[in-house]
C-alpha atoms as a PDB file:
ATOM      1  CA  MET A   1       0.005   0.056   0.020  1.00  0.00           C
ATOM      2  CA  VAL A   2       1.296   3.344  -0.869  1.00  0.00           C
ATOM      3  CA  LYS A   3       1.213   5.785   2.089  1.00  0.00           C
ATOM      4  CA  LYS A   4      -0.913   8.799   1.806  1.00  0.00           C
ATOM      5  CA  VAL A   5       0.798  12.410   1.413  1.00  0.00           C
ATOM      6  CA  ARG A   6      -0.670  14.141   4.351  1.00  0.00           C
ATOM      7  CA  LYS A   7       2.352  16.693   5.117  1.00  0.00           C
ATOM      8  CA  ALA A   8       3.594  19.782   3.227  1.00  0.00           C
ATOM      9  CA  VAL A   9       6.913  21.440   4.094  1.00  0.00           C
ATOM     10  CA  PHE A  10       7.400  25.040   3.464  1.00  0.00           C
ATOM     11  CA  PRO A  11      10.990  26.302   3.404  1.00  0.00           C
ATOM     12  CA  ALA A  12      10.314  29.868   4.461  1.00  0.00           C
ATOM     13  CA  ALA A  13      13.741  30.899   6.018  1.00  0.00           C
ATOM     14  CA  GLY A  14      15.273  32.818   3.109  1.00  0.00           C
ATOM     15  CA  LEU A  15      15.999  36.604   3.601  1.00  0.00           C
ATOM     16  CA  GLY A  16      14.282  37.892   0.653  1.00  0.00           C
ATOM     17  CA  THR A  17      17.132  40.277  -0.542  1.00  0.00           C
ATOM     18  CA  ARG A  18      15.461  40.676  -4.085  1.00  0.00           C
ATOM     19  CA  PHE A  19      12.888  42.732  -2.315  1.00  0.00           C
ATOM     20  CA  LEU A  20      14.708  45.035  -0.194  1.00  0.00           C
ATOM     21  CA  PRO A  21      13.990  47.462   1.316  1.00  0.00           C
ATOM     22  CA  ALA A  22      10.395  46.051   1.504  1.00  0.00           C
ATOM     23  CA  THR A  23      11.669  42.799   3.318  1.00  0.00           C
ATOM     24  CA  LYS A  24      14.104  44.499   5.712  1.00  0.00           C
ATOM     25  CA  ALA A  25      11.497  44.131   8.397  1.00  0.00           C
ATOM     26  CA  GLN A  26       8.836  41.735   6.863  1.00  0.00           C
ATOM     27  CA  PRO A  27       9.074  38.287   5.500  1.00  0.00           C
ATOM     28  CA  LYS A  28       8.995  38.200   1.661  1.00  0.00           C
ATOM     29  CA  GLU A  29       6.382  35.452   2.006  1.00  0.00           C
ATOM     30  CA  MET A  30       4.038  37.942   3.708  1.00  0.00           C
ATOM     31  CA  LEU A  31       4.304  40.338   0.490  1.00  0.00           C
ATOM     32  CA  PRO A  32       0.613  40.339  -0.776  1.00  0.00           C
ATOM     33  CA  LEU A  33      -0.656  39.383  -4.046  1.00  0.00           C
ATOM     34  CA  ILE A  34      -3.681  41.774  -4.058  1.00  0.00           C
ATOM     35  CA  ASP A  35      -5.025  41.142  -0.380  1.00  0.00           C
ATOM     36  CA  LYS A  36      -3.497  37.648   0.421  1.00  0.00           C
ATOM     37  CA  PRO A  37       0.308  36.936   1.218  1.00  0.00           C
ATOM     38  CA  ILE A  38       2.199  35.075  -1.188  1.00  0.00           C
ATOM     39  CA  ILE A  39       2.458  32.010   1.413  1.00  0.00           C
ATOM     40  CA  GLN A  40      -1.166  31.690   1.913  1.00  0.00           C
ATOM     41  CA  TYR A  41      -1.659  30.607  -1.701  1.00  0.00           C
ATOM     42  CA  GLY A  42       0.558  27.763  -1.237  1.00  0.00           C
ATOM     43  CA  VAL A  43      -1.068  26.761   2.020  1.00  0.00           C
ATOM     44  CA  GLU A  44      -4.314  26.679   0.392  1.00  0.00           C
ATOM     45  CA  GLU A  45      -2.890  24.672  -2.523  1.00  0.00           C
ATOM     46  CA  ALA A  46      -1.616  22.107   0.002  1.00  0.00           C
ATOM     47  CA  MET A  47      -4.953  22.014   1.870  1.00  0.00           C
ATOM     48  CA  HIS A  48      -7.059  21.539  -1.269  1.00  0.00           C
ATOM     49  CA  SER A  49      -4.631  18.789  -2.459  1.00  0.00           C
ATOM     50  CA  GLY A  50      -5.479  16.629   0.725  1.00  0.00           C
ATOM     51  CA  CYS A  51      -2.597  17.686   3.027  1.00  0.00           C
ATOM     52  CA  ASP A  52      -3.791  18.269   6.537  1.00  0.00           C
ATOM     53  CA  GLN A  53      -0.577  19.271   8.160  1.00  0.00           C
ATOM     54  CA  ILE A  54       1.941  22.040   7.262  1.00  0.00           C
ATOM     55  CA  ILE A  55       5.526  22.374   8.435  1.00  0.00           C
ATOM     56  CA  MET A  56       7.022  25.635   8.063  1.00  0.00           C
ATOM     57  CA  VAL A  57      10.791  25.933   8.114  1.00  0.00           C
ATOM     58  CA  THR A  58      11.406  29.528   9.422  1.00  0.00           C
ATOM     59  CA  GLY A  59      14.217  31.579  10.634  1.00  0.00           C
ATOM     60  CA  ARG A  60      14.935  35.052  12.394  1.00  0.00           C
ATOM     61  CA  GLY A  61      12.367  37.799  11.661  1.00  0.00           C
ATOM     62  CA  LYS A  62       9.676  35.293  10.423  1.00  0.00           C
ATOM     63  CA  SER A  63       7.115  35.809  13.287  1.00  0.00           C
ATOM     64  CA  ALA A  64       4.654  37.614  11.044  1.00  0.00           C
ATOM     65  CA  ILE A  65       4.113  33.945   9.441  1.00  0.00           C
ATOM     66  CA  GLU A  66       3.236  32.685  12.634  1.00  0.00           C
ATOM     67  CA  ASP A  67       0.959  35.567  13.624  1.00  0.00           C
ATOM     68  CA  HIS A  68      -0.905  35.580  10.268  1.00  0.00           C
ATOM     69  CA  PHE A  69      -1.974  31.783  10.548  1.00  0.00           C
ATOM     70  CA  ASP A  70      -2.768  32.203  14.339  1.00  0.00           C
ATOM     71  CA  THR A  71      -5.843  33.411  16.147  1.00  0.00           C
ATOM     72  CA  SER A  72      -5.994  37.295  16.407  1.00  0.00           C
ATOM     73  CA  TYR A  73      -8.454  37.646  19.444  1.00  0.00           C
ATOM     74  CA  GLU A  74      -8.324  41.675  19.639  1.00  0.00           C
ATOM     75  CA  LEU A  75      -8.946  41.879  15.690  1.00  0.00           C
ATOM     76  CA  GLU A  76     -11.716  39.169  15.838  1.00  0.00           C
ATOM     77  CA  LYS A  77     -13.412  41.094  18.773  1.00  0.00           C
ATOM     78  CA  MET A  78     -13.108  44.410  17.149  1.00  0.00           C
ATOM     79  CA  LEU A  79     -14.611  43.038  14.049  1.00  0.00           C
ATOM     80  CA  GLU A  80     -17.387  41.390  15.885  1.00  0.00           C
ATOM     81  CA  ASP A  81     -18.243  44.517  17.736  1.00  0.00           C
ATOM     82  CA  ARG A  82     -18.546  46.624  14.609  1.00  0.00           C
ATOM     83  CA  GLY A  83     -20.643  44.262  12.824  1.00  0.00           C
ATOM     84  CA  LYS A  84     -18.009  43.537  10.024  1.00  0.00           C
ATOM     85  CA  ASP A  85     -19.206  39.767   9.762  1.00  0.00           C
ATOM     86  CA  ASP A  86     -17.531  39.319   6.174  1.00  0.00           C
ATOM     87  CA  LEU A  87     -14.214  40.368   7.345  1.00  0.00           C
ATOM     88  CA  LEU A  88     -14.584  38.466  10.593  1.00  0.00           C
ATOM     89  CA  ARG A  89     -15.340  35.224   8.557  1.00  0.00           C
ATOM     90  CA  ILE A  90     -12.214  35.826   6.331  1.00  0.00           C
ATOM     91  CA  VAL A  91      -9.805  36.288   9.408  1.00  0.00           C
ATOM     92  CA  GLN A  92     -11.326  33.222  11.185  1.00  0.00           C
ATOM     93  CA  GLN A  93     -10.978  31.106   8.167  1.00  0.00           C
ATOM     94  CA  ILE A  94      -7.205  31.723   7.982  1.00  0.00           C
ATOM     95  CA  SER A  95      -6.542  30.774  11.775  1.00  0.00           C
ATOM     96  CA  ASP A  96      -8.964  27.857  11.244  1.00  0.00           C
ATOM     97  CA  MET A  97      -7.600  26.575   7.926  1.00  0.00           C
ATOM     98  CA  ILE A  98      -5.064  23.905   8.878  1.00  0.00           C
ATOM     99  CA  HIS A  99      -2.772  22.580  11.486  1.00  0.00           C
ATOM    100  CA  ILE A 100       0.652  24.175  11.236  1.00  0.00           C
ATOM    101  CA  ALA A 101       3.858  23.224  13.191  1.00  0.00           C
ATOM    102  CA  TYR A 102       7.004  25.270  12.919  1.00  0.00           C
ATOM    103  CA  VAL A 103      10.791  24.345  12.946  1.00  0.00           C
ATOM    104  CA  ARG A 104      13.654  26.819  12.979  1.00  0.00           C
ATOM    105  CA  GLN A 105      16.414  26.814  10.408  1.00  0.00           C
ATOM    106  CA  LYS A 106      19.017  28.710  12.347  1.00  0.00           C
ATOM    107  CA  GLU A 107      21.249  29.243   9.409  1.00  0.00           C
ATOM    108  CA  ALA A 108      20.076  29.644   5.740  1.00  0.00           C
ATOM    109  CA  LEU A 109      22.227  26.506   4.591  1.00  0.00           C
ATOM    110  CA  GLY A 110      20.367  25.824   1.302  1.00  0.00           C
ATOM    111  CA  LEU A 111      16.985  24.213   0.200  1.00  0.00           C
ATOM    112  CA  GLY A 112      18.382  20.549   1.159  1.00  0.00           C
ATOM    113  CA  HIS A 113      19.116  21.768   4.622  1.00  0.00           C
ATOM    114  CA  ALA A 114      15.741  23.377   5.067  1.00  0.00           C
ATOM    115  CA  VAL A 115      13.925  20.141   3.984  1.00  0.00           C
ATOM    116  CA  LEU A 116      16.381  18.196   6.274  1.00  0.00           C
ATOM    117  CA  MET A 117      15.146  20.284   9.165  1.00  0.00           C
ATOM    118  CA  ALA A 118      11.523  18.784   8.954  1.00  0.00           C
ATOM    119  CA  LYS A 119      12.873  15.320   9.233  1.00  0.00           C
ATOM    120  CA  GLU A 120      11.519  14.567  12.786  1.00  0.00           C
ATOM    121  CA  LEU A 121       8.164  16.050  12.098  1.00  0.00           C
ATOM    122  CA  VAL A 122       7.638  14.524   8.847  1.00  0.00           C
ATOM    123  CA  GLY A 123       8.759  10.888   9.968  1.00  0.00           C
ATOM    124  CA  ASP A 124       8.612   7.960   7.901  1.00  0.00           C
ATOM    125  CA  GLU A 125       6.012   8.865   5.123  1.00  0.00           C
ATOM    126  CA  PRO A 126       6.108  10.617   1.897  1.00  0.00           C
ATOM    127  CA  PHE A 127       5.658  14.407   2.049  1.00  0.00           C
ATOM    128  CA  ALA A 128       5.287  17.555  -0.236  1.00  0.00           C
ATOM    129  CA  VAL A 129       7.662  20.444  -0.421  1.00  0.00           C
ATOM    130  CA  ILE A 130       6.253  23.816  -1.473  1.00  0.00           C
ATOM    131  CA  LEU A 131       8.450  26.649  -2.533  1.00  0.00           C
ATOM    132  CA  PRO A 132       6.188  29.916  -1.596  1.00  0.00           C
ATOM    133  CA  ASP A 133       7.753  31.925  -4.195  1.00  0.00           C
ATOM    134  CA  ASP A 134       6.236  29.853  -6.863  1.00  0.00           C
ATOM    135  CA  VAL A 135       2.517  30.766  -6.970  1.00  0.00           C
ATOM    136  CA  ILE A 136       0.594  28.352  -9.507  1.00  0.00           C
ATOM    137  CA  ASP A 137      -2.749  29.175 -10.757  1.00  0.00           C
ATOM    138  CA  ALA A 138      -4.507  25.908 -11.998  1.00  0.00           C
ATOM    139  CA  THR A 139      -7.988  24.502 -11.913  1.00  0.00           C
ATOM    140  CA  THR A 140      -6.737  21.315 -10.403  1.00  0.00           C
ATOM    141  CA  PRO A 141      -4.099  22.246  -7.751  1.00  0.00           C
ATOM    142  CA  CYS A 142      -0.767  21.525  -9.088  1.00  0.00           C
ATOM    143  CA  LEU A 143       0.199  19.741  -5.715  1.00  0.00           C
ATOM    144  CA  LYS A 144      -2.904  17.543  -6.407  1.00  0.00           C
ATOM    145  CA  GLN A 145      -1.808  16.556  -9.830  1.00  0.00           C
ATOM    146  CA  MET A 146       1.388  15.460  -8.562  1.00  0.00           C
ATOM    147  CA  ILE A 147       0.007  13.448  -5.688  1.00  0.00           C
ATOM    148  CA  ASP A 148      -2.226  11.692  -8.094  1.00  0.00           C
ATOM    149  CA  ILE A 149       1.076  10.598 -10.026  1.00  0.00           C
ATOM    150  CA  TYR A 150       2.721   9.637  -6.601  1.00  0.00           C
ATOM    151  CA  ASP A 151      -0.325   7.461  -5.825  1.00  0.00           C
ATOM    152  CA  GLU A 152       0.066   5.604  -9.107  1.00  0.00           C
ATOM    153  CA  THR A 153       3.981   5.181  -9.003  1.00  0.00           C
ATOM    154  CA  GLY A 154       4.926   5.260  -5.243  1.00  0.00           C
ATOM    155  CA  CYS A 155       7.979   7.317  -6.240  1.00  0.00           C
ATOM    156  CA  SER A 156       9.062  10.955  -5.810  1.00  0.00           C
ATOM    157  CA  VAL A 157       7.658  13.433  -8.253  1.00  0.00           C
ATOM    158  CA  LEU A 158       9.107  16.779  -9.256  1.00  0.00           C
ATOM    159  CA  ALA A 159       7.130  19.449 -10.904  1.00  0.00           C
ATOM    160  CA  THR A 160       8.479  20.756 -14.238  1.00  0.00           C
ATOM    161  CA  GLN A 161       7.855  23.369 -16.995  1.00  0.00           C
ATOM    162  CA  LEU A 162       9.454  23.886 -20.310  1.00  0.00           C
ATOM    163  CA  VAL A 163      11.837  26.820 -20.408  1.00  0.00           C
ATOM    164  CA  GLU A 164      13.023  28.081 -23.706  1.00  0.00           C
ATOM    165  CA  GLY A 165      16.516  29.792 -24.154  1.00  0.00           C
ATOM    166  CA  PRO A 166      19.277  30.832 -21.804  1.00  0.00           C
ATOM    167  CA  GLY A 167      16.670  31.366 -18.985  1.00  0.00           C
ATOM    168  CA  ILE A 168      16.988  27.570 -18.446  1.00  0.00           C
ATOM    169  CA  SER A 169      20.367  28.353 -16.672  1.00  0.00           C
ATOM    170  CA  ALA A 170      18.534  29.614 -13.722  1.00  0.00           C
ATOM    171  CA  TYR A 171      16.870  26.228 -12.659  1.00  0.00           C
ATOM    172  CA  GLY A 172      17.818  22.676 -11.907  1.00  0.00           C
ATOM    173  CA  VAL A 173      17.433  20.751 -15.099  1.00  0.00           C
ATOM    174  CA  LEU A 174      16.176  17.299 -15.787  1.00  0.00           C
ATOM    175  CA  ASP A 175      17.564  14.503 -18.032  1.00  0.00           C
ATOM    176  CA  ALA A 176      14.375  12.505 -18.326  1.00  0.00           C
ATOM    177  CA  THR A 177      12.635  10.009 -20.676  1.00  0.00           C
ATOM    178  CA  PRO A 178       8.894  10.221 -21.571  1.00  0.00           C
ATOM    179  CA  VAL A 179       6.647   7.715 -20.032  1.00  0.00           C
ATOM    180  CA  PRO A 180       3.978   6.654 -22.540  1.00  0.00           C
ATOM    181  CA  GLY A 181       0.386   6.122 -21.374  1.00  0.00           C
ATOM    182  CA  LYS A 182      -2.687   8.171 -20.055  1.00  0.00           C
ATOM    183  CA  HIS A 183      -0.680  11.198 -19.113  1.00  0.00           C
ATOM    184  CA  GLY A 184       0.512  11.826 -22.680  1.00  0.00           C
ATOM    185  CA  ASP A 185       3.552  13.847 -22.970  1.00  0.00           C
ATOM    186  CA  ARG A 186       3.507  15.144 -19.421  1.00  0.00           C
ATOM    187  CA  LEU A 187       4.900  12.518 -17.251  1.00  0.00           C
ATOM    188  CA  PHE A 188       8.751  11.692 -17.455  1.00  0.00           C
ATOM    189  CA  GLU A 189      11.130   9.164 -15.656  1.00  0.00           C
ATOM    190  CA  VAL A 190      14.163  10.986 -14.426  1.00  0.00           C
ATOM    191  CA  ARG A 191      17.716   9.884 -15.426  1.00  0.00           C
ATOM    192  CA  ASP A 192      19.818  12.752 -13.974  1.00  0.00           C
ATOM    193  CA  LEU A 193      19.539  16.131 -12.524  1.00  0.00           C
ATOM    194  CA  VAL A 194      21.909  19.282 -13.181  1.00  0.00           C
ATOM    195  CA  GLU A 195      21.694  22.257 -10.826  1.00  0.00           C
ATOM    196  CA  LYS A 196      21.831  25.447 -13.116  1.00  0.00           C
ATOM    197  CA  PRO A 197      23.791  24.276 -16.043  1.00  0.00           C
ATOM    198  CA  LYS A 198      25.049  26.489 -18.873  1.00  0.00           C
ATOM    199  CA  PHE A 199      22.736  27.073 -21.548  1.00  0.00           C
ATOM    200  CA  GLU A 200      24.610  25.021 -24.026  1.00  0.00           C
ATOM    201  CA  GLN A 201      25.150  22.136 -21.458  1.00  0.00           C
ATOM    202  CA  ALA A 202      21.681  21.870 -20.370  1.00  0.00           C
ATOM    203  CA  PRO A 203      20.318  18.197 -20.934  1.00  0.00           C
ATOM    204  CA  SER A 204      16.872  19.291 -21.735  1.00  0.00           C
ATOM    205  CA  LYS A 205      14.229  22.236 -21.483  1.00  0.00           C
ATOM    206  CA  LEU A 206      12.726  20.537 -18.436  1.00  0.00           C
ATOM    207  CA  ALA A 207      13.118  22.941 -15.450  1.00  0.00           C
ATOM    208  CA  ILE A 208      12.286  21.925 -11.987  1.00  0.00           C
ATOM    209  CA  ILE A 209       9.677  24.196 -10.325  1.00  0.00           C
ATOM    210  CA  GLY A 210       8.980  24.542  -6.733  1.00  0.00           C
ATOM    211  CA  ARG A 211       6.742  21.573  -6.013  1.00  0.00           C
ATOM    212  CA  TYR A 212       8.168  18.160  -4.944  1.00  0.00           C
ATOM    213  CA  ILE A 213       6.624  14.968  -3.681  1.00  0.00           C
ATOM    214  CA  LEU A 214       9.362  13.098  -1.694  1.00  0.00           C
ATOM    215  CA  THR A 215       9.730   9.694  -0.248  1.00  0.00           C
ATOM    216  CA  PRO A 216      11.285   9.626   3.150  1.00  0.00           C
ATOM    217  CA  GLY A 217      14.327   8.140   1.834  1.00  0.00           C
ATOM    218  CA  ILE A 218      15.507  11.844   0.888  1.00  0.00           C
ATOM    219  CA  PHE A 219      16.261  12.256   4.444  1.00  0.00           C
ATOM    220  CA  GLU A 220      19.227   9.717   4.472  1.00  0.00           C
ATOM    221  CA  MET A 221      20.606  11.082   1.211  1.00  0.00           C
ATOM    222  CA  LEU A 222      20.551  14.668   2.646  1.00  0.00           C
ATOM    223  CA  GLU A 223      22.520  13.384   5.607  1.00  0.00           C
ATOM    224  CA  SER A 224      24.986  11.600   3.530  1.00  0.00           C
ATOM    225  CA  ILE A 225      26.035  14.092   0.830  1.00  0.00           C
ATOM    226  CA  GLN A 226      28.606  16.806   1.226  1.00  0.00           C
ATOM    227  CA  PRO A 227      27.676  20.596   1.088  1.00  0.00           C
ATOM    228  CA  GLY A 228      28.358  22.352  -2.042  1.00  0.00           C
ATOM    229  CA  SER A 229      29.406  26.030  -2.618  1.00  0.00           C
ATOM    230  CA  GLY A 230      28.711  28.304   0.209  1.00  0.00           C
ATOM    231  CA  GLY A 231      28.540  25.425   2.607  1.00  0.00           C
ATOM    232  CA  GLU A 232      24.986  24.889   1.403  1.00  0.00           C
ATOM    233  CA  LEU A 233      23.133  21.606   1.171  1.00  0.00           C
ATOM    234  CA  GLN A 234      21.537  21.309  -2.184  1.00  0.00           C
ATOM    235  CA  LEU A 235      18.203  19.412  -2.450  1.00  0.00           C
ATOM    236  CA  THR A 236      19.274  18.619  -6.195  1.00  0.00           C
ATOM    237  CA  ASP A 237      22.434  16.710  -4.913  1.00  0.00           C
ATOM    238  CA  GLY A 238      20.173  14.630  -2.454  1.00  0.00           C
ATOM    239  CA  LEU A 239      17.806  13.854  -5.333  1.00  0.00           C
ATOM    240  CA  ARG A 240      20.585  12.623  -7.569  1.00  0.00           C
ATOM    241  CA  ALA A 241      21.777  10.390  -4.669  1.00  0.00           C
ATOM    242  CA  LEU A 242      18.187   9.295  -4.177  1.00  0.00           C
ATOM    243  CA  LEU A 243      17.916   8.455  -7.827  1.00  0.00           C
ATOM    244  CA  LYS A 244      20.637   5.691  -7.372  1.00  0.00           C
ATOM    245  CA  LYS A 245      18.264   3.732  -4.944  1.00  0.00           C
ATOM    246  CA  GLU A 246      14.748   4.873  -6.177  1.00  0.00           C
ATOM    247  CA  LYS A 247      13.047   5.933  -9.243  1.00  0.00           C
ATOM    248  CA  ILE A 248      12.134   9.563  -9.642  1.00  0.00           C
ATOM    249  CA  TYR A 249       9.403  10.904 -11.863  1.00  0.00           C
ATOM    250  CA  CYS A 250       8.721  14.493 -13.018  1.00  0.00           C
ATOM    251  CA  PHE A 251       5.378  15.788 -14.121  1.00  0.00           C
ATOM    252  CA  THR A 252       4.665  18.898 -16.455  1.00  0.00           C
ATOM    253  CA  PHE A 253       1.672  20.344 -14.673  1.00  0.00           C
ATOM    254  CA  GLU A 254      -1.282  21.982 -16.090  1.00  0.00           C
ATOM    255  CA  GLY A 255      -1.576  25.575 -14.876  1.00  0.00           C
ATOM    256  CA  LYS A 256       0.295  28.847 -15.009  1.00  0.00           C
ATOM    257  CA  ARG A 257       3.376  29.354 -12.590  1.00  0.00           C
ATOM    258  CA  HIS A 258       4.169  32.814 -11.405  1.00  0.00           C
ATOM    259  CA  ASP A 259       7.741  33.506  -9.986  1.00  0.00           C
ATOM    260  CA  ALA A 260       6.544  35.777  -7.167  1.00  0.00           C
ATOM    261  CA  GLY A 261      10.130  35.884  -5.832  1.00  0.00           C
ATOM    262  CA  ASP A 262      11.188  38.160  -8.794  1.00  0.00           C
ATOM    263  CA  LYS A 263      10.039  41.804  -8.993  1.00  0.00           C
ATOM    264  CA  LEU A 264       8.661  41.486 -12.643  1.00  0.00           C
ATOM    265  CA  GLY A 265       7.090  38.033 -11.908  1.00  0.00           C
ATOM    266  CA  PHE A 266       5.472  39.502  -8.866  1.00  0.00           C
ATOM    267  CA  LEU A 267       4.128  42.377 -10.680  1.00  0.00           C
ATOM    268  CA  LYS A 268       2.771  40.081 -13.476  1.00  0.00           C
ATOM    269  CA  ALA A 269       1.126  37.857 -10.960  1.00  0.00           C
ATOM    270  CA  THR A 270      -0.482  40.948  -9.436  1.00  0.00           C
ATOM    271  CA  VAL A 271      -1.904  42.121 -12.578  1.00  0.00           C
ATOM    272  CA  GLU A 272      -3.264  38.685 -13.652  1.00  0.00           C
ATOM    273  CA  PHE A 273      -4.806  37.724 -10.365  1.00  0.00           C
ATOM    274  CA  ALA A 274      -6.565  41.182 -10.186  1.00  0.00           C
ATOM    275  CA  LEU A 275      -8.002  40.706 -13.649  1.00  0.00           C
ATOM    276  CA  LYS A 276      -9.415  37.378 -12.563  1.00  0.00           C
ATOM    277  CA  ARG A 277     -11.353  38.826  -9.350  1.00  0.00           C
ATOM    278  CA  ASP A 278     -15.048  39.533 -10.091  1.00  0.00           C
ATOM    279  CA  ASP A 279     -14.825  42.662  -7.459  1.00  0.00           C
ATOM    280  CA  LEU A 280     -11.711  44.213  -9.234  1.00  0.00           C
ATOM    281  CA  GLY A 281     -11.309  42.645 -12.767  1.00  0.00           C
ATOM    282  CA  PRO A 282     -13.662  44.810 -14.695  1.00  0.00           C
ATOM    283  CA  GLU A 283     -12.774  48.167 -13.309  1.00  0.00           C
ATOM    284  CA  PHE A 284      -9.089  47.312 -13.443  1.00  0.00           C
ATOM    285  CA  ARG A 285      -9.283  46.196 -17.010  1.00  0.00           C
ATOM    286  CA  GLU A 286     -10.761  49.264 -18.028  1.00  0.00           C
ATOM    287  CA  TYR A 287      -8.115  51.327 -16.065  1.00  0.00           C
ATOM    288  CA  LEU A 288      -5.409  49.273 -18.037  1.00  0.00           C
ATOM    289  CA  LYS A 289      -6.971  49.957 -21.356  1.00  0.00           C
ATOM    290  CA  GLY A 290      -6.734  53.544 -20.607  1.00  0.00           C
ATOM    291  CA  LEU A 291      -3.109  53.489 -19.967  1.00  0.00           C
ATOM    292  CA  ASN A 292      -0.907  55.394 -22.489  1.00  0.00           C
ATOM    293  CA  VAL A 293       1.874  52.585 -22.843  1.00  0.00           C
END
């Protein structure tokens, strides 16, 4: 029997230097896309994909994340007293959303190290990893698509998308073989992974995106590999080690990914999410049409 994926790990200890000075005193994960912080999109995706436990890997200066998902008695009482029931429901839904546990990453020593920090809370079961910077707009949540693949294969699954041109060098890149069957050209078996290769040396156009379903075997691999440049423990190196013992698949998900960890990507996501809102979209669309650009 394949164990159910119930837990999702959120590495959220990064300093967010690309958004300074806005992130000098607040976590980048709390920057709002319209009226909802970036990290909440990922938490809702995990919840709608069947995960009932969230593990946040945080560091110094990240208390706002804990406060956001905690109960705010003073705010709720004020909204109740003023009869603002619609806002009260929104606030209460956030704190009632899902069970969240927190673990501290004292030093930012790479994505692999952040995942390893969650070992004791994950235990001996498969789990998801969601990078909050990647906000994915999809009819069926991206993570749910991947969990379906895991349920079929019992193996780790990496989210991928096709990246054309030199931009591929900013990603982990996969050497992978298509798997024939009902998933068409979306499912691949991984043969190798390369972290940020030069454009001319990239093994394919398949870039790893910030969604993973991992077997617990990844922890042993992360504990056994050597740190790379800057003393960081790379998840890609751990996956390469795991590949020697287990099959790994990658899946080109259906949906649109927004890189909200990049200023331009954040602006594009803000515009596109606003246009999809019933309360903002029509008026905002007319505003954009009137711009002389």
